[in-house]
Amino acid sequence: MKLKKGRPVLSKNRVIMGVYINPVNLKNLKSEVKKNKVTTSAMLRGLS
């Protein structure tokens, strides 16, 4: 309901999630995110 409060939380979780999944292969993660934009958005929605 509060988008302003949710935005920073989402970006924070987004970064933490990315580092947690693959701290070494950050480039691969970015490639996967580009390929699976729908999946990423779905995951972000699940986190929120």
N, C-alpha and C. Protein backbone atom coordinates (compact mmCIF):
# COMPACT_ATOMS: atom_id res chain seq x y z
N MET A 1 0.84 -1.20 0.00
CA MET A 1 0.00 0.00 0.00
C MET A 1 0.88 1.25 0.00
N LYS A 2 1.98 1.21 0.74
CA LYS A 2 2.89 2.36 0.77
C LYS A 2 4.06 2.09 -0.18
N LEU A 3 3.96 2.62 -1.40
CA LEU A 3 4.99 2.37 -2.42
C LEU A 3 6.31 3.02 -2.02
N LYS A 4 6.23 4.23 -1.45
CA LYS A 4 7.46 4.94 -1.09
C LYS A 4 8.29 4.13 -0.09
N LYS A 5 7.59 3.49 0.85
CA LYS A 5 8.31 2.69 1.84
C LYS A 5 8.78 1.37 1.23
N GLY A 6 7.97 0.83 0.32
CA GLY A 6 8.30 -0.47 -0.28
C GLY A 6 9.45 -0.41 -1.25
N ARG A 7 9.62 0.72 -1.93
CA ARG A 7 10.66 0.80 -2.95
C ARG A 7 12.06 0.54 -2.40
N PRO A 8 12.49 1.24 -1.36
CA PRO A 8 13.84 0.99 -0.83
C PRO A 8 14.01 -0.43 -0.31
N VAL A 9 12.96 -0.96 0.28
CA VAL A 9 13.02 -2.33 0.79
C VAL A 9 13.24 -3.30 -0.36
N LEU A 10 12.52 -3.07 -1.47
CA LEU A 10 12.63 -3.95 -2.63
C LEU A 10 14.05 -3.89 -3.18
N SER A 11 14.58 -2.65 -3.35
CA SER A 11 15.93 -2.54 -3.91
C SER A 11 16.93 -3.19 -2.96
N LYS A 12 16.72 -3.02 -1.66
CA LYS A 12 17.63 -3.63 -0.69
C LYS A 12 17.60 -5.15 -0.83
N ASN A 13 16.40 -5.73 -0.83
CA ASN A 13 16.27 -7.18 -0.99
C ASN A 13 16.83 -7.63 -2.33
N ARG A 14 16.64 -6.80 -3.34
CA ARG A 14 17.11 -7.12 -4.67
C ARG A 14 18.63 -7.30 -4.64
N VAL A 15 19.33 -6.33 -4.04
CA VAL A 15 20.80 -6.40 -3.98
C VAL A 15 21.23 -7.60 -3.14
N ILE A 16 20.62 -7.74 -1.96
CA ILE A 16 20.98 -8.86 -1.06
C ILE A 16 20.74 -10.19 -1.77
N MET A 17 19.60 -10.29 -2.47
CA MET A 17 19.26 -11.52 -3.16
C MET A 17 20.33 -11.82 -4.22
N GLY A 18 20.71 -10.79 -4.99
CA GLY A 18 21.70 -10.98 -6.05
C GLY A 18 23.03 -11.45 -5.47
N VAL A 19 23.48 -10.82 -4.38
CA VAL A 19 24.76 -11.20 -3.78
C VAL A 19 24.65 -12.59 -3.17
N TYR A 20 23.49 -12.89 -2.57
CA TYR A 20 23.31 -14.18 -1.90
C TYR A 20 23.30 -15.32 -2.92
N ILE A 21 22.64 -15.09 -4.07
CA ILE A 21 22.55 -16.13 -5.09
C ILE A 21 23.93 -16.44 -5.66
N ASN A 22 24.64 -15.40 -6.09
CA ASN A 22 25.93 -15.63 -6.74
C ASN A 22 26.85 -14.42 -6.53
N PRO A 23 27.62 -14.39 -5.46
CA PRO A 23 28.53 -13.26 -5.22
C PRO A 23 29.69 -13.26 -6.21
N VAL A 24 30.06 -14.44 -6.71
CA VAL A 24 31.21 -14.53 -7.62
C VAL A 24 30.79 -14.21 -9.05
N ASN A 25 29.69 -14.83 -9.50
CA ASN A 25 29.26 -14.65 -10.89
C ASN A 25 28.18 -13.58 -10.99
N LEU A 26 28.57 -12.34 -10.68
CA LEU A 26 27.60 -11.25 -10.75
C LEU A 26 27.22 -10.97 -12.19
N LYS A 27 28.19 -11.14 -13.09
CA LYS A 27 27.92 -10.89 -14.52
C LYS A 27 26.90 -11.90 -15.03
N ASN A 28 27.06 -13.16 -14.65
CA ASN A 28 26.11 -14.19 -15.07
C ASN A 28 24.72 -13.88 -14.53
N LEU A 29 24.68 -13.38 -13.30
CA LEU A 29 23.39 -13.05 -12.70
C LEU A 29 22.70 -11.96 -13.52
N LYS A 30 23.48 -10.94 -13.92
CA LYS A 30 22.90 -9.85 -14.72
C LYS A 30 22.37 -10.40 -16.04
N SER A 31 23.11 -11.32 -16.64
CA SER A 31 22.66 -11.91 -17.91
C SER A 31 21.36 -12.67 -17.70
N GLU A 32 21.29 -13.43 -16.61
CA GLU A 32 20.08 -14.20 -16.33
C GLU A 32 18.90 -13.27 -16.07
N VAL A 33 19.17 -12.16 -15.38
CA VAL A 33 18.10 -11.20 -15.10
C VAL A 33 17.58 -10.62 -16.41
N LYS A 34 18.50 -10.30 -17.33
CA LYS A 34 18.08 -9.75 -18.62
C LYS A 34 17.23 -10.77 -19.38
N LYS A 35 17.64 -12.03 -19.33
CA LYS A 35 16.91 -13.08 -20.05
C LYS A 35 15.57 -13.37 -19.38
N ASN A 36 15.58 -13.38 -18.06
CA ASN A 36 14.36 -13.75 -17.32
C ASN A 36 13.80 -12.54 -16.58
N LYS A 37 13.42 -11.52 -17.35
CA LYS A 37 12.86 -10.32 -16.70
C LYS A 37 11.54 -10.66 -16.03
N VAL A 38 10.74 -11.51 -16.67
CA VAL A 38 9.44 -11.87 -16.10
C VAL A 38 9.64 -12.64 -14.80
N THR A 39 10.56 -13.60 -14.80
CA THR A 39 10.82 -14.39 -13.60
C THR A 39 11.31 -13.50 -12.47
N THR A 40 12.21 -12.56 -12.80
CA THR A 40 12.74 -11.66 -11.78
C THR A 40 11.63 -10.84 -11.15
N SER A 41 10.77 -10.26 -12.00
CA SER A 41 9.68 -9.44 -11.48
C SER A 41 8.76 -10.29 -10.60
N ALA A 42 8.53 -11.53 -11.01
CA ALA A 42 7.67 -12.42 -10.22
C ALA A 42 8.31 -12.69 -8.85
N MET A 43 9.62 -12.91 -8.85
CA MET A 43 10.33 -13.17 -7.59
C MET A 43 10.27 -11.94 -6.69
N LEU A 44 10.47 -10.76 -7.30
CA LEU A 44 10.42 -9.52 -6.52
C LEU A 44 9.02 -9.35 -5.92
N ARG A 45 8.00 -9.70 -6.70
CA ARG A 45 6.62 -9.59 -6.19
C ARG A 45 6.43 -10.54 -5.03
N GLY A 46 7.03 -11.71 -5.12
CA GLY A 46 6.91 -12.68 -4.03
C GLY A 46 7.57 -12.17 -2.76
N LEU A 47 8.72 -11.48 -2.92
CA LEU A 47 9.42 -10.94 -1.76
C LEU A 47 8.58 -9.88 -1.07
N SER A 48 7.92 -9.04 -1.88
CA SER A 48 7.11 -7.96 -1.31
C SER A 48 5.80 -8.55 -0.79
